[in-house]
Amino acid sequence: MWKSIQRLLALLSLSLFINAAAAQPATNSFDRSFKKVSKPFKILTSGKQITIKSTKDFKTIMVWTATGHRIVEQTQVNASSYSFNVSGSRERIFFVMVQYEGQKPVTEKFGVE
């Protein structure tokens, strides 16, 4: 009889523990911090010719390959459009970082054929 009472108490305490250790609700601050933000620029590719266009002037542009080789690093661009060639590289995947005056940098991954 004591064994059955012990089992019942063990099951009861286990179920209470499981309810207390339940997952966080879906509407926490972590979920709200990863809202999809539209990019303030567009990347246009035509073969190995890349053009980055925006409605505002860029402050800094940096482009690097998926293997980490830096292709472009321009500071004080002060233009809303920037073009460059990647003809010397066999890479197909690139990353771009664009920064505007007084704002955080924005990065995007893109590919070329």
N, C-alpha and C. Protein backbone atom coordinates (compact mmCIF):
# COMPACT_ATOMS: atom_id res chain seq x y z
N MET A 1 0.82 -1.19 0.00
CA MET A 1 0.00 0.00 0.00
C MET A 1 0.87 1.26 0.00
N TRP A 2 1.95 1.23 0.80
CA TRP A 2 2.83 2.39 0.83
C TRP A 2 3.50 2.62 -0.52
N LYS A 3 3.78 1.53 -1.25
CA LYS A 3 4.40 1.68 -2.57
C LYS A 3 3.46 2.40 -3.53
N SER A 4 2.18 2.08 -3.47
CA SER A 4 1.22 2.74 -4.36
C SER A 4 1.07 4.21 -3.98
N ILE A 5 1.12 4.55 -2.71
CA ILE A 5 1.04 5.95 -2.29
C ILE A 5 2.30 6.70 -2.72
N GLN A 6 3.45 6.05 -2.60
CA GLN A 6 4.70 6.67 -3.03
C GLN A 6 4.70 6.93 -4.54
N ARG A 7 4.19 5.96 -5.29
CA ARG A 7 4.09 6.14 -6.74
C ARG A 7 3.15 7.28 -7.11
N LEU A 8 2.03 7.35 -6.41
CA LEU A 8 1.06 8.41 -6.65
C LEU A 8 1.67 9.78 -6.34
N LEU A 9 2.39 9.90 -5.22
CA LEU A 9 3.05 11.15 -4.87
C LEU A 9 4.15 11.50 -5.88
N ALA A 10 4.88 10.50 -6.34
CA ALA A 10 5.92 10.75 -7.34
C ALA A 10 5.31 11.26 -8.64
N LEU A 11 4.22 10.64 -9.08
CA LEU A 11 3.55 11.11 -10.30
C LEU A 11 2.99 12.52 -10.13
N LEU A 12 2.42 12.79 -8.97
CA LEU A 12 1.87 14.12 -8.70
C LEU A 12 2.97 15.18 -8.70
N SER A 13 4.08 14.89 -8.04
CA SER A 13 5.17 15.88 -8.00
C SER A 13 5.81 16.04 -9.38
N LEU A 14 5.92 14.98 -10.15
CA LEU A 14 6.46 15.07 -11.50
C LEU A 14 5.56 15.92 -12.39
N SER A 15 4.27 15.73 -12.32
CA SER A 15 3.35 16.53 -13.14
C SER A 15 3.38 18.00 -12.74
N LEU A 16 3.50 18.29 -11.44
CA LEU A 16 3.61 19.67 -11.00
C LEU A 16 4.92 20.29 -11.49
N PHE A 17 6.00 19.54 -11.48
CA PHE A 17 7.29 20.03 -11.96
C PHE A 17 7.23 20.32 -13.45
N ILE A 18 6.60 19.45 -14.23
CA ILE A 18 6.49 19.64 -15.68
C ILE A 18 5.68 20.90 -15.98
N ASN A 19 4.60 21.13 -15.26
CA ASN A 19 3.79 22.33 -15.48
C ASN A 19 4.55 23.59 -15.11
N ALA A 20 5.36 23.53 -14.06
CA ALA A 20 6.13 24.70 -13.63
C ALA A 20 7.27 24.99 -14.61
N ALA A 21 7.79 23.98 -15.28
CA ALA A 21 8.91 24.15 -16.20
C ALA A 21 8.44 24.26 -17.65
N ALA A 22 7.23 24.71 -17.86
CA ALA A 22 6.68 24.83 -19.22
C ALA A 22 7.45 25.89 -20.00
N ALA A 23 7.38 25.82 -21.32
CA ALA A 23 8.08 26.76 -22.19
C ALA A 23 7.55 28.17 -22.02
N GLN A 24 8.35 29.13 -22.43
CA GLN A 24 7.95 30.53 -22.35
C GLN A 24 6.83 30.80 -23.33
N PRO A 25 6.00 31.78 -23.04
CA PRO A 25 4.94 32.12 -23.98
C PRO A 25 5.51 32.63 -25.30
N ALA A 26 4.74 32.52 -26.37
CA ALA A 26 5.22 32.87 -27.71
C ALA A 26 5.37 34.37 -27.90
N THR A 27 4.78 35.17 -27.07
CA THR A 27 4.85 36.63 -27.26
C THR A 27 5.80 37.25 -26.24
N ASN A 28 7.05 36.81 -26.24
CA ASN A 28 8.03 37.42 -25.35
C ASN A 28 8.84 38.45 -26.11
N SER A 29 9.71 39.16 -25.44
CA SER A 29 10.49 40.22 -26.07
C SER A 29 11.49 39.67 -27.08
N PHE A 30 11.93 38.43 -26.92
CA PHE A 30 12.87 37.83 -27.86
C PHE A 30 12.24 37.72 -29.24
N ASP A 31 10.99 37.30 -29.32
CA ASP A 31 10.30 37.16 -30.61
C ASP A 31 10.10 38.52 -31.28
N ARG A 32 9.83 39.54 -30.50
CA ARG A 32 9.56 40.85 -31.07
C ARG A 32 10.83 41.50 -31.61
N SER A 33 11.99 41.10 -31.11
CA SER A 33 13.23 41.75 -31.55
C SER A 33 13.68 41.26 -32.93
N PHE A 34 13.09 40.19 -33.46
CA PHE A 34 13.51 39.66 -34.75
C PHE A 34 12.44 39.85 -35.82
N LYS A 35 11.78 40.98 -35.81
CA LYS A 35 10.81 41.27 -36.86
C LYS A 35 11.54 41.53 -38.16
N LYS A 36 10.94 41.11 -39.24
CA LYS A 36 11.54 41.30 -40.57
C LYS A 36 11.49 42.78 -40.92
N VAL A 37 12.66 43.32 -41.23
CA VAL A 37 12.79 44.73 -41.59
C VAL A 37 13.14 44.81 -43.07
N SER A 38 12.45 45.69 -43.79
CA SER A 38 12.76 45.82 -45.21
C SER A 38 14.10 46.52 -45.38
N LYS A 39 14.84 46.11 -46.38
CA LYS A 39 16.16 46.66 -46.64
C LYS A 39 16.01 48.04 -47.27
N PRO A 40 16.86 49.00 -46.87
CA PRO A 40 16.77 50.34 -47.44
C PRO A 40 17.49 50.47 -48.78
N PHE A 41 17.94 49.35 -49.35
CA PHE A 41 18.66 49.40 -50.61
C PHE A 41 18.31 48.18 -51.46
N LYS A 42 18.65 48.24 -52.75
CA LYS A 42 18.43 47.12 -53.67
C LYS A 42 19.76 46.75 -54.29
N ILE A 43 19.95 45.46 -54.53
CA ILE A 43 21.15 44.97 -55.20
C ILE A 43 20.73 44.46 -56.56
N LEU A 44 21.30 45.05 -57.60
CA LEU A 44 21.00 44.66 -58.97
C LEU A 44 22.23 43.99 -59.56
N THR A 45 22.05 42.80 -60.14
CA THR A 45 23.18 42.08 -60.73
C THR A 45 22.92 41.88 -62.21
N SER A 46 23.97 42.03 -62.98
CA SER A 46 23.93 41.77 -64.41
C SER A 46 25.24 41.08 -64.75
N GLY A 47 25.23 39.75 -64.70
CA GLY A 47 26.47 39.00 -64.86
C GLY A 47 27.37 39.25 -63.68
N LYS A 48 28.56 39.78 -63.93
CA LYS A 48 29.51 40.10 -62.86
C LYS A 48 29.47 41.57 -62.46
N GLN A 49 28.57 42.36 -63.08
CA GLN A 49 28.40 43.78 -62.74
C GLN A 49 27.36 43.89 -61.63
N ILE A 50 27.72 44.50 -60.52
CA ILE A 50 26.84 44.66 -59.36
C ILE A 50 26.57 46.14 -59.16
N THR A 51 25.29 46.49 -58.94
CA THR A 51 24.91 47.86 -58.63
C THR A 51 24.06 47.85 -57.37
N ILE A 52 24.41 48.71 -56.43
CA ILE A 52 23.64 48.86 -55.19
C ILE A 52 22.99 50.23 -55.25
N LYS A 53 21.64 50.26 -55.17
CA LYS A 53 20.90 51.51 -55.26
C LYS A 53 20.08 51.73 -53.99
N SER A 54 19.94 53.01 -53.64
CA SER A 54 19.20 53.37 -52.45
C SER A 54 18.52 54.72 -52.67
N THR A 55 17.58 55.04 -51.79
CA THR A 55 16.94 56.36 -51.85
C THR A 55 17.74 57.38 -51.05
N LYS A 56 18.63 56.90 -50.16
CA LYS A 56 19.48 57.79 -49.36
C LYS A 56 20.94 57.58 -49.76
N ASP A 57 21.79 58.52 -49.40
CA ASP A 57 23.22 58.41 -49.69
C ASP A 57 23.89 57.42 -48.73
N PHE A 58 24.76 56.56 -49.27
CA PHE A 58 25.53 55.63 -48.47
C PHE A 58 26.66 56.37 -47.77
N LYS A 59 27.02 55.90 -46.60
CA LYS A 59 28.21 56.40 -45.93
C LYS A 59 29.36 55.42 -46.18
N THR A 60 29.08 54.11 -45.97
CA THR A 60 30.09 53.07 -46.11
C THR A 60 29.49 51.88 -46.84
N ILE A 61 30.29 51.27 -47.73
CA ILE A 61 29.90 50.04 -48.42
C ILE A 61 31.07 49.07 -48.32
N MET A 62 30.76 47.83 -47.92
CA MET A 62 31.78 46.79 -47.89
C MET A 62 31.17 45.52 -48.48
N VAL A 63 31.91 44.86 -49.37
CA VAL A 63 31.47 43.62 -50.01
C VAL A 63 32.56 42.59 -49.82
N TRP A 64 32.15 41.36 -49.41
CA TRP A 64 33.11 40.28 -49.26
C TRP A 64 32.50 38.98 -49.74
N THR A 65 33.38 38.02 -50.04
CA THR A 65 32.94 36.73 -50.56
C THR A 65 32.53 35.82 -49.41
N ALA A 66 31.94 34.68 -49.76
CA ALA A 66 31.54 33.71 -48.74
C ALA A 66 32.76 33.10 -48.06
N THR A 67 33.92 33.15 -48.71
CA THR A 67 35.14 32.63 -48.10
C THR A 67 35.87 33.69 -47.28
N GLY A 68 35.35 34.91 -47.25
CA GLY A 68 35.91 35.95 -46.41
C GLY A 68 36.84 36.93 -47.08
N HIS A 69 37.01 36.83 -48.39
CA HIS A 69 37.88 37.78 -49.11
C HIS A 69 37.12 39.07 -49.38
N ARG A 70 37.72 40.18 -49.00
CA ARG A 70 37.09 41.48 -49.18
C ARG A 70 37.26 41.94 -50.62
N ILE A 71 36.14 42.29 -51.25
CA ILE A 71 36.13 42.74 -52.65
C ILE A 71 36.11 44.26 -52.71
N VAL A 72 35.24 44.88 -51.92
CA VAL A 72 35.07 46.34 -51.93
C VAL A 72 35.03 46.83 -50.49
N GLU A 73 35.71 47.94 -50.23
CA GLU A 73 35.58 48.63 -48.95
C GLU A 73 35.72 50.13 -49.23
N GLN A 74 34.59 50.82 -49.24
CA GLN A 74 34.55 52.24 -49.54
C GLN A 74 33.94 53.00 -48.37
N THR A 75 34.65 53.99 -47.89
CA THR A 75 34.11 54.87 -46.85
C THR A 75 33.85 56.23 -47.48
N GLN A 76 32.98 56.98 -46.87
CA GLN A 76 32.59 58.32 -47.35
C GLN A 76 32.14 58.28 -48.81
N VAL A 77 31.24 57.36 -49.13
CA VAL A 77 30.75 57.21 -50.50
C VAL A 77 29.91 58.41 -50.90
N ASN A 78 28.97 58.81 -50.05
CA ASN A 78 28.10 59.96 -50.28
C ASN A 78 27.42 59.94 -51.64
N ALA A 79 26.87 58.78 -52.00
CA ALA A 79 26.11 58.62 -53.24
C ALA A 79 25.00 57.61 -52.98
N SER A 80 23.94 57.70 -53.77
CA SER A 80 22.82 56.78 -53.59
C SER A 80 22.92 55.56 -54.51
N SER A 81 23.96 55.48 -55.32
CA SER A 81 24.18 54.35 -56.21
C SER A 81 25.67 54.05 -56.26
N TYR A 82 25.99 52.75 -56.28
CA TYR A 82 27.40 52.34 -56.33
C TYR A 82 27.50 51.08 -57.18
N SER A 83 28.40 51.07 -58.17
CA SER A 83 28.58 49.93 -59.07
C SER A 83 30.01 49.43 -59.01
N PHE A 84 30.17 48.11 -59.20
CA PHE A 84 31.50 47.50 -59.23
C PHE A 84 31.42 46.16 -59.96
N ASN A 85 32.57 45.65 -60.37
CA ASN A 85 32.68 44.36 -61.05
C ASN A 85 33.32 43.35 -60.13
N VAL A 86 32.90 42.09 -60.26
CA VAL A 86 33.54 40.99 -59.53
C VAL A 86 34.11 40.00 -60.52
N SER A 87 34.60 40.50 -61.65
CA SER A 87 35.06 39.63 -62.74
C SER A 87 36.31 38.84 -62.38
N GLY A 88 37.13 39.31 -61.45
CA GLY A 88 38.34 38.60 -61.09
C GLY A 88 38.10 37.46 -60.11
N SER A 89 36.89 37.30 -59.64
CA SER A 89 36.59 36.30 -58.63
C SER A 89 35.72 35.18 -59.21
N ARG A 90 36.00 33.96 -58.82
CA ARG A 90 35.17 32.82 -59.23
C ARG A 90 34.02 32.58 -58.27
N GLU A 91 33.98 33.35 -57.21
CA GLU A 91 32.94 33.21 -56.19
C GLU A 91 31.57 33.53 -56.77
N ARG A 92 30.54 32.90 -56.19
CA ARG A 92 29.17 33.16 -56.63
C ARG A 92 28.31 33.74 -55.53
N ILE A 93 28.75 33.60 -54.29
CA ILE A 93 28.00 34.11 -53.14
C ILE A 93 28.80 35.26 -52.51
N PHE A 94 28.11 36.39 -52.26
CA PHE A 94 28.73 37.57 -51.68
C PHE A 94 27.86 38.11 -50.56
N PHE A 95 28.48 38.92 -49.71
CA PHE A 95 27.78 39.63 -48.66
C PHE A 95 28.08 41.11 -48.82
N VAL A 96 27.08 41.94 -48.57
CA VAL A 96 27.27 43.38 -48.64
C VAL A 96 26.84 43.99 -47.30
N MET A 97 27.62 44.98 -46.85
CA MET A 97 27.26 45.75 -45.67
C MET A 97 27.17 47.21 -46.10
N VAL A 98 26.02 47.81 -45.85
CA VAL A 98 25.79 49.20 -46.20
C VAL A 98 25.48 49.95 -44.91
N GLN A 99 26.11 51.12 -44.76
CA GLN A 99 25.82 51.94 -43.58
C GLN A 99 25.47 53.34 -44.04
N TYR A 100 24.44 53.90 -43.43
CA TYR A 100 24.02 55.27 -43.69
C TYR A 100 24.49 56.15 -42.54
N GLU A 101 24.53 57.42 -42.76
CA GLU A 101 24.99 58.38 -41.74
C GLU A 101 24.12 58.27 -40.49
N GLY A 102 24.75 58.00 -39.35
CA GLY A 102 24.06 57.95 -38.07
C GLY A 102 23.20 56.72 -37.85
N GLN A 103 23.35 55.68 -38.66
CA GLN A 103 22.54 54.47 -38.51
C GLN A 103 23.42 53.24 -38.39
N LYS A 104 22.81 52.15 -37.94
CA LYS A 104 23.53 50.88 -37.84
C LYS A 104 23.73 50.29 -39.23
N PRO A 105 24.80 49.51 -39.41
CA PRO A 105 25.01 48.87 -40.71
C PRO A 105 23.94 47.81 -41.00
N VAL A 106 23.64 47.63 -42.27
CA VAL A 106 22.68 46.63 -42.72
C VAL A 106 23.41 45.70 -43.67
N THR A 107 23.27 44.38 -43.46
CA THR A 107 23.95 43.41 -44.32
C THR A 107 22.94 42.57 -45.10
N GLU A 108 23.40 42.06 -46.22
CA GLU A 108 22.56 41.19 -47.05
C GLU A 108 23.46 40.24 -47.83
N LYS A 109 22.95 39.05 -48.06
CA LYS A 109 23.64 38.03 -48.85
C LYS A 109 23.05 38.06 -50.26
N PHE A 110 23.92 37.94 -51.27
CA PHE A 110 23.42 37.89 -52.64
C PHE A 110 24.34 37.00 -53.49
N GLY A 111 23.85 36.61 -54.64
CA GLY A 111 24.62 35.74 -55.51
C GLY A 111 24.67 36.27 -56.93
N VAL A 112 25.67 35.81 -57.67
CA VAL A 112 25.82 36.16 -59.08
C VAL A 112 25.97 34.87 -59.89
N GLU A 113 25.72 34.98 -61.17
CA GLU A 113 25.87 33.79 -62.04
C GLU A 113 27.14 33.87 -62.84
